[in-house]
Structures are given as C-alpha cells and as structure tokens.
C-alpha cells in the first residue's frame, strides 16, 4: 500500500525531468532542429518549384517556365 505513492512520485519526477531537466536538448519528442532548419535556410528559389514538380503539383511545362524565369533573375 505504501508503494503506490512512491511509484507515483518516481513517475512524476521522471516526467518533470523529461519536460524541464534536459537543458539545451529539448524534449525527447521534438526534432533535433539542427539539420532541418539549416536546410530550409539554405534552400534556393529553384528548389521550391523542383519539389512541387516532384510531388506532381505542377506540370513539366510549368516547371520549365519557372526554371527559365528564375535563371533570368
């Protein structure tokens, strides 16, 4: 009977550590942020239409037009 409060306290302390005790590391369910945020910052203007073309959102003709207009800038 006295074990339940001890187990509950231990679970609460583990939860608090995961939420607040990992200074600078973030929560375990968050992305690392390093590589993904850097890749978004270094994305070129041509990467966006290329990704849209790869997903099938635009046609090849539209992609070529965008690519040509971006190379003229």
PDB file of N, CA and C in Angstrom:
ATOM      1  N   UNK A   1       0.819  -1.180   0.000  1.00  0.00           N
ATOM      2  CA  UNK A   1       0.000   0.000   0.000  1.00  0.00           C
ATOM      3  C   UNK A   1       0.873   1.257   0.000  1.00  0.00           C
ATOM      4  N   UNK A   2       1.975   1.234   0.726  1.00  0.00           N
ATOM      5  CA  UNK A   2       2.841   2.404   0.759  1.00  0.00           C
ATOM      6  C   UNK A   2       3.682   2.516  -0.525  1.00  0.00           C
ATOM      7  N   UNK A   3       3.684   1.494  -1.390  1.00  0.00           N
ATOM      8  CA  UNK A   3       4.456   1.518  -2.627  1.00  0.00           C
ATOM      9  C   UNK A   3       3.826   2.431  -3.676  1.00  0.00           C
ATOM     10  N   UNK A   4       2.508   2.551  -3.689  1.00  0.00           N
ATOM     11  CA  UNK A   4       1.838   3.359  -4.716  1.00  0.00           C
ATOM     12  C   UNK A   4       2.255   4.830  -4.692  1.00  0.00           C
ATOM     13  N   UNK A   5       2.339   5.483  -3.538  1.00  0.00           N
ATOM     14  CA  UNK A   5       2.814   6.874  -3.546  1.00  0.00           C
ATOM     15  C   UNK A   5       4.263   7.009  -4.011  1.00  0.00           C
ATOM     16  N   UNK A   6       5.094   6.040  -3.677  1.00  0.00           N
ATOM     17  CA  UNK A   6       6.499   6.074  -4.087  1.00  0.00           C
ATOM     18  C   UNK A   6       6.603   5.920  -5.603  1.00  0.00           C
ATOM     19  N   UNK A   7       5.844   4.989  -6.167  1.00  0.00           N
ATOM     20  CA  UNK A   7       5.846   4.789  -7.614  1.00  0.00           C
ATOM     21  C   UNK A   7       5.298   6.025  -8.314  1.00  0.00           C
ATOM     22  N   UNK A   8       4.238   6.599  -7.786  1.00  0.00           N
ATOM     23  CA  UNK A   8       3.658   7.812  -8.364  1.00  0.00           C
ATOM     24  C   UNK A   8       4.632   8.976  -8.327  1.00  0.00           C
ATOM     25  N   UNK A   9       5.346   9.127  -7.229  1.00  0.00           N
ATOM     26  CA  UNK A   9       6.335  10.188  -7.097  1.00  0.00           C
ATOM     27  C   UNK A   9       7.481   9.984  -8.093  1.00  0.00           C
ATOM     28  N   UNK A  10       7.923   8.748  -8.238  1.00  0.00           N
ATOM     29  CA  UNK A  10       9.007   8.451  -9.178  1.00  0.00           C
ATOM     30  C   UNK A  10       8.576   8.742 -10.612  1.00  0.00           C
ATOM     31  N   UNK A  11       7.349   8.399 -10.957  1.00  0.00           N
ATOM     32  CA  UNK A  11       6.837   8.685 -12.301  1.00  0.00           C
ATOM     33  C   UNK A  11       6.733  10.189 -12.534  1.00  0.00           C
ATOM     34  N   UNK A  12       6.288  10.920 -11.517  1.00  0.00           N
ATOM     35  CA  UNK A  12       6.171  12.372 -11.629  1.00  0.00           C
ATOM     36  C   UNK A  12       7.546  13.012 -11.803  1.00  0.00           C
ATOM     37  N   UNK A  13       8.532  12.549 -11.066  1.00  0.00           N
ATOM     38  CA  UNK A  13       9.885  13.098 -11.186  1.00  0.00           C
ATOM     39  C   UNK A  13      10.483  12.789 -12.566  1.00  0.00           C
ATOM     40  N   UNK A  14      10.230  11.594 -13.090  1.00  0.00           N
ATOM     41  CA  UNK A  14      10.708  11.247 -14.430  1.00  0.00           C
ATOM     42  C   UNK A  14      10.068  12.153 -15.472  1.00  0.00           C
ATOM     43  N   UNK A  15       8.791  12.373 -15.356  1.00  0.00           N
ATOM     44  CA  UNK A  15       8.084  13.258 -16.275  1.00  0.00           C
ATOM     45  C   UNK A  15       8.631  14.678 -16.192  1.00  0.00           C
ATOM     46  N   UNK A  16       8.864  15.177 -14.985  1.00  0.00           N
ATOM     47  CA  UNK A  16       9.397  16.526 -14.810  1.00  0.00           C
ATOM     48  C   UNK A  16      10.796  16.641 -15.408  1.00  0.00           C
ATOM     49  N   UNK A  17      11.603  15.608 -15.266  1.00  0.00           N
ATOM     50  CA  UNK A  17      12.945  15.619 -15.858  1.00  0.00           C
ATOM     51  C   UNK A  17      12.857  15.686 -17.374  1.00  0.00           C
ATOM     52  N   UNK A  18      11.977  14.885 -17.952  1.00  0.00           N
ATOM     53  CA  UNK A  18      11.844  14.889 -19.404  1.00  0.00           C
ATOM     54  C   UNK A  18      11.335  16.228 -19.924  1.00  0.00           C
ATOM     55  N   UNK A  19      10.492  16.889 -19.162  1.00  0.00           N
ATOM     56  CA  UNK A  19       9.938  18.168 -19.604  1.00  0.00           C
ATOM     57  C   UNK A  19      10.904  19.327 -19.390  1.00  0.00           C
ATOM     58  N   UNK A  20      11.570  19.390 -18.250  1.00  0.00           N
ATOM     59  CA  UNK A  20      12.321  20.581 -17.885  1.00  0.00           C
ATOM     60  C   UNK A  20      13.799  20.348 -17.595  1.00  0.00           C
ATOM     61  N   UNK A  21      14.202  19.145 -17.351  1.00  0.00           N
ATOM     62  CA  UNK A  21      15.552  18.896 -16.874  1.00  0.00           C
ATOM     63  C   UNK A  21      16.604  18.717 -17.932  1.00  0.00           C
ATOM     64  N   UNK A  22      16.231  18.683 -19.171  1.00  0.00           N
ATOM     65  CA  UNK A  22      17.193  18.450 -20.235  1.00  0.00           C
ATOM     66  C   UNK A  22      17.601  19.772 -20.864  1.00  0.00           C
ATOM     67  N   UNK A  23      18.245  20.626 -20.157  1.00  0.00           N
ATOM     68  CA  UNK A  23      18.626  21.965 -20.616  1.00  0.00           C
ATOM     69  C   UNK A  23      19.391  21.891 -21.933  1.00  0.00           C
ATOM     70  N   UNK A  24      18.908  22.619 -22.925  1.00  0.00           N
ATOM     71  CA  UNK A  24      19.589  22.694 -24.207  1.00  0.00           C
ATOM     72  C   UNK A  24      19.341  21.526 -25.138  1.00  0.00           C
ATOM     73  N   UNK A  25      18.692  20.488 -24.666  1.00  0.00           N
ATOM     74  CA  UNK A  25      18.470  19.323 -25.513  1.00  0.00           C
ATOM     75  C   UNK A  25      17.045  19.238 -26.018  1.00  0.00           C
ATOM     76  N   UNK A  26      16.137  19.995 -25.446  1.00  0.00           N
ATOM     77  CA  UNK A  26      14.745  19.941 -25.859  1.00  0.00           C
ATOM     78  C   UNK A  26      14.067  18.687 -25.365  1.00  0.00           C
ATOM     79  N   UNK A  27      12.814  18.593 -25.661  1.00  0.00           N
ATOM     80  CA  UNK A  27      12.052  17.421 -25.260  1.00  0.00           C
ATOM     81  C   UNK A  27      12.400  16.242 -26.150  1.00  0.00           C
ATOM     82  N   UNK A  28      12.233  15.027 -25.679  1.00  0.00           N
ATOM     83  CA  UNK A  28      12.613  13.868 -26.485  1.00  0.00           C
ATOM     84  C   UNK A  28      11.758  13.697 -27.731  1.00  0.00           C
ATOM     85  N   UNK A  29      10.576  14.291 -27.774  1.00  0.00           N
ATOM     86  CA  UNK A  29       9.709  14.137 -28.928  1.00  0.00           C
ATOM     87  C   UNK A  29       9.869  15.276 -29.935  1.00  0.00           C
ATOM     88  N   UNK A  30      10.689  16.264 -29.635  1.00  0.00           N
ATOM     89  CA  UNK A  30      10.926  17.344 -30.580  1.00  0.00           C
ATOM     90  C   UNK A  30      12.016  16.943 -31.549  1.00  0.00           C
ATOM     91  N   UNK A  31      11.988  17.563 -32.729  1.00  0.00           N
ATOM     92  CA  UNK A  31      13.022  17.294 -33.707  1.00  0.00           C
ATOM     93  C   UNK A  31      14.322  17.896 -33.225  1.00  0.00           C
ATOM     94  N   UNK A  32      15.411  17.359 -33.735  1.00  0.00           N
ATOM     95  CA  UNK A  32      16.702  17.891 -33.323  1.00  0.00           C
ATOM     96  C   UNK A  32      16.873  19.323 -33.784  1.00  0.00           C
ATOM     97  N   UNK A  33      16.240  19.707 -34.864  1.00  0.00           N
ATOM     98  CA  UNK A  33      16.238  21.087 -35.305  1.00  0.00           C
ATOM     99  C   UNK A  33      17.485  21.492 -36.071  1.00  0.00           C
ATOM    100  N   UNK A  34      18.576  20.844 -35.863  1.00  0.00           N
ATOM    101  CA  UNK A  34      19.819  21.254 -36.484  1.00  0.00           C
ATOM    102  C   UNK A  34      19.799  21.164 -37.988  1.00  0.00           C
ATOM    103  N   UNK A  35      19.718  19.976 -38.517  1.00  0.00           N
ATOM    104  CA  UNK A  35      19.835  19.803 -39.959  1.00  0.00           C
ATOM    105  C   UNK A  35      18.625  20.323 -40.702  1.00  0.00           C
ATOM    106  N   UNK A  36      17.439  20.116 -40.183  1.00  0.00           N
ATOM    107  CA  UNK A  36      16.248  20.526 -40.911  1.00  0.00           C
ATOM    108  C   UNK A  36      16.134  22.039 -41.016  1.00  0.00           C
ATOM    109  N   UNK A  37      16.390  22.755 -39.951  1.00  0.00           N
ATOM    110  CA  UNK A  37      16.294  24.205 -40.005  1.00  0.00           C
ATOM    111  C   UNK A  37      17.397  24.789 -40.882  1.00  0.00           C
ATOM    112  N   UNK A  38      18.585  24.176 -40.879  1.00  0.00           N
ATOM    113  CA  UNK A  38      19.654  24.648 -41.741  1.00  0.00           C
ATOM    114  C   UNK A  38      19.313  24.421 -43.200  1.00  0.00           C
ATOM    115  N   UNK A  39      18.705  23.283 -43.531  1.00  0.00           N
ATOM    116  CA  UNK A  39      18.383  23.010 -44.927  1.00  0.00           C
ATOM    117  C   UNK A  39      17.308  23.957 -45.438  1.00  0.00           C
ATOM    118  N   UNK A  40      16.375  24.367 -44.584  1.00  0.00           N
ATOM    119  CA  UNK A  40      15.367  25.326 -45.008  1.00  0.00           C
ATOM    120  C   UNK A  40      15.989  26.686 -45.268  1.00  0.00           C
ATOM    121  N   UNK A  41      16.984  27.071 -44.466  1.00  0.00           N
ATOM    122  CA  UNK A  41      17.628  28.360 -44.641  1.00  0.00           C
ATOM    123  C   UNK A  41      18.455  28.402 -45.912  1.00  0.00           C
ATOM    124  N   UNK A  42      19.055  27.288 -46.298  1.00  0.00           N
ATOM    125  CA  UNK A  42      19.911  27.260 -47.468  1.00  0.00           C
ATOM    126  C   UNK A  42      19.163  26.847 -48.740  1.00  0.00           C
ATOM    127  N   UNK A  43      17.860  26.825 -48.693  1.00  0.00           N
ATOM    128  CA  UNK A  43      17.047  26.431 -49.838  1.00  0.00           C
ATOM    129  C   UNK A  43      17.084  27.525 -50.905  1.00  0.00           C
ATOM    130  N   UNK A  44      17.288  27.121 -52.155  1.00  0.00           N
ATOM    131  CA  UNK A  44      17.309  28.088 -53.240  1.00  0.00           C
ATOM    132  C   UNK A  44      15.906  28.267 -53.818  1.00  0.00           C
ATOM    133  N   UNK A  45      15.752  29.294 -54.618  1.00  0.00           N
ATOM    134  CA  UNK A  45      14.449  29.571 -55.219  1.00  0.00           C
ATOM    135  C   UNK A  45      14.035  28.463 -56.179  1.00  0.00           C
ATOM    136  N   UNK A  46      14.987  27.790 -56.783  1.00  0.00           N
ATOM    137  CA  UNK A  46      14.668  26.714 -57.727  1.00  0.00           C
ATOM    138  C   UNK A  46      14.243  25.435 -57.022  1.00  0.00           C
ATOM    139  N   UNK A  47      14.618  25.292 -55.756  1.00  0.00           N
ATOM    140  CA  UNK A  47      14.248  24.086 -55.003  1.00  0.00           C
ATOM    141  C   UNK A  47      12.736  23.976 -54.817  1.00  0.00           C
ATOM    142  N   UNK A  48      12.061  25.097 -54.669  1.00  0.00           N
ATOM    143  CA  UNK A  48      10.618  25.071 -54.415  1.00  0.00           C
ATOM    144  C   UNK A  48       9.856  24.538 -55.623  1.00  0.00           C
ATOM    145  N   UNK A  49      10.052  25.103 -56.840  1.00  0.00           N
ATOM    146  CA  UNK A  49       9.344  24.510 -57.986  1.00  0.00           C
ATOM    147  C   UNK A  49       9.777  23.077 -58.284  1.00  0.00           C
ATOM    148  N   UNK A  50      11.038  22.756 -58.016  1.00  0.00           N
ATOM    149  CA  UNK A  50      11.502  21.384 -58.242  1.00  0.00           C
ATOM    150  C   UNK A  50      10.767  20.412 -57.331  1.00  0.00           C
ATOM    151  N   UNK A  51      10.583  20.813 -56.081  1.00  0.00           N
ATOM    152  CA  UNK A  51       9.845  19.959 -55.142  1.00  0.00           C
ATOM    153  C   UNK A  51       8.383  19.845 -55.552  1.00  0.00           C
ATOM    154  N   UNK A  52       7.796  20.963 -55.998  1.00  0.00           N
ATOM    155  CA  UNK A  52       6.398  20.935 -56.439  1.00  0.00           C
ATOM    156  C   UNK A  52       6.232  20.046 -57.667  1.00  0.00           C
ATOM    157  N   UNK A  53       7.199  20.087 -58.574  1.00  0.00           N
ATOM    158  CA  UNK A  53       7.156  19.233 -59.761  1.00  0.00           C
ATOM    159  C   UNK A  53       7.290  17.765 -59.368  1.00  0.00           C
ATOM    160  N   UNK A  54       8.166  17.488 -58.419  1.00  0.00           N
ATOM    161  CA  UNK A  54       8.358  16.108 -57.965  1.00  0.00           C
ATOM    162  C   UNK A  54       7.100  15.553 -57.306  1.00  0.00           C
ATOM    163  N   UNK A  55       6.340  16.415 -56.632  1.00  0.00           N
ATOM    164  CA  UNK A  55       5.095  15.969 -55.998  1.00  0.00           C
ATOM    165  C   UNK A  55       3.936  15.904 -56.976  1.00  0.00           C
ATOM    166  N   UNK A  56       4.138  16.425 -58.194  1.00  0.00           N
ATOM    167  CA  UNK A  56       3.078  16.388 -59.193  1.00  0.00           C
ATOM    168  C   UNK A  56       2.112  17.562 -59.106  1.00  0.00           C
ATOM    169  N   UNK A  57       2.487  18.611 -58.389  1.00  0.00           N
ATOM    170  CA  UNK A  57       1.617  19.773 -58.240  1.00  0.00           C
ATOM    171  C   UNK A  57       1.632  20.654 -59.485  1.00  0.00           C
ATOM    172  N   UNK A  58       2.739  20.633 -60.230  1.00  0.00           N
ATOM    173  CA  UNK A  58       2.836  21.415 -61.462  1.00  0.00           C
ATOM    174  C   UNK A  58       3.314  20.509 -62.590  1.00  0.00           C
ATOM    175  N   UNK A  59       3.053  20.927 -63.803  1.00  0.00           N
ATOM    176  CA  UNK A  59       3.457  20.134 -64.972  1.00  0.00           C
ATOM    177  C   UNK A  59       4.902  20.432 -65.330  1.00  0.00           C
ATOM    178  N   UNK A  60       5.435  19.629 -66.250  1.00  0.00           N
ATOM    179  CA  UNK A  60       6.808  19.843 -66.693  1.00  0.00           C
ATOM    180  C   UNK A  60       6.941  21.196 -67.390  1.00  0.00           C
ATOM    181  N   UNK A  61       5.936  21.583 -68.168  1.00  0.00           N
ATOM    182  CA  UNK A  61       5.961  22.863 -68.871  1.00  0.00           C
ATOM    183  C   UNK A  61       5.994  24.019 -67.865  1.00  0.00           C
ATOM    184  N   UNK A  62       5.167  23.941 -66.827  1.00  0.00           N
ATOM    185  CA  UNK A  62       5.166  24.982 -65.800  1.00  0.00           C
ATOM    186  C   UNK A  62       6.512  25.041 -65.073  1.00  0.00           C
ATOM    187  N   UNK A  63       7.078  23.864 -64.803  1.00  0.00           N
ATOM    188  CA  UNK A  63       8.376  23.817 -64.138  1.00  0.00           C
ATOM    189  C   UNK A  63       9.452  24.461 -64.995  1.00  0.00           C
ATOM    190  N   UNK A  64       9.467  24.140 -66.304  1.00  0.00           N
ATOM    191  CA  UNK A  64      10.453  24.712 -67.205  1.00  0.00           C
ATOM    192  C   UNK A  64      10.298  26.242 -67.284  1.00  0.00           C
ATOM    193  N   UNK A  65       9.063  26.727 -67.295  1.00  0.00           N
ATOM    194  CA  UNK A  65       8.828  28.174 -67.325  1.00  0.00           C
ATOM    195  C   UNK A  65       9.366  28.831 -66.056  1.00  0.00           C
ATOM    196  N   UNK A  66       9.070  28.237 -64.920  1.00  0.00           N
ATOM    197  CA  UNK A  66       9.564  28.779 -63.663  1.00  0.00           C
ATOM    198  C   UNK A  66      11.097  28.751 -63.619  1.00  0.00           C
ATOM    199  N   UNK A  67      11.651  27.654 -64.057  1.00  0.00           N
ATOM    200  CA  UNK A  67      13.113  27.497 -64.064  1.00  0.00           C
ATOM    201  C   UNK A  67      13.754  28.559 -64.958  1.00  0.00           C
ATOM    202  N   UNK A  68      13.179  28.795 -66.114  1.00  0.00           N
ATOM    203  CA  UNK A  68      13.711  29.809 -67.025  1.00  0.00           C
ATOM    204  C   UNK A  68      13.588  31.208 -66.444  1.00  0.00           C
ATOM    205  N   UNK A  69      12.442  31.506 -65.875  1.00  0.00           N
ATOM    206  CA  UNK A  69      12.260  32.857 -65.307  1.00  0.00           C
ATOM    207  C   UNK A  69      13.161  33.080 -64.081  1.00  0.00           C
ATOM    208  N   UNK A  70      13.421  32.034 -63.317  1.00  0.00           N
ATOM    209  CA  UNK A  70      14.314  32.184 -62.169  1.00  0.00           C
ATOM    210  C   UNK A  70      15.771  32.319 -62.591  1.00  0.00           C
ATOM    211  N   UNK A  71      16.147  31.715 -63.703  1.00  0.00           N
ATOM    212  CA  UNK A  71      17.532  31.834 -64.150  1.00  0.00           C
ATOM    213  C   UNK A  71      17.807  33.216 -64.749  1.00  0.00           C
ATOM    214  N   UNK A  72      16.750  33.941 -65.146  1.00  0.00           N
ATOM    215  CA  UNK A  72      16.913  35.286 -65.698  1.00  0.00           C
ATOM    216  C   UNK A  72      17.058  36.335 -64.615  1.00  0.00           C
ATOM    217  N   UNK A  73      16.783  35.980 -63.398  1.00  0.00           N
ATOM    218  CA  UNK A  73      16.824  36.967 -62.310  1.00  0.00           C
ATOM    219  C   UNK A  73      18.214  37.188 -61.819  1.00  0.00           C
TER     220      UNK A  73
END
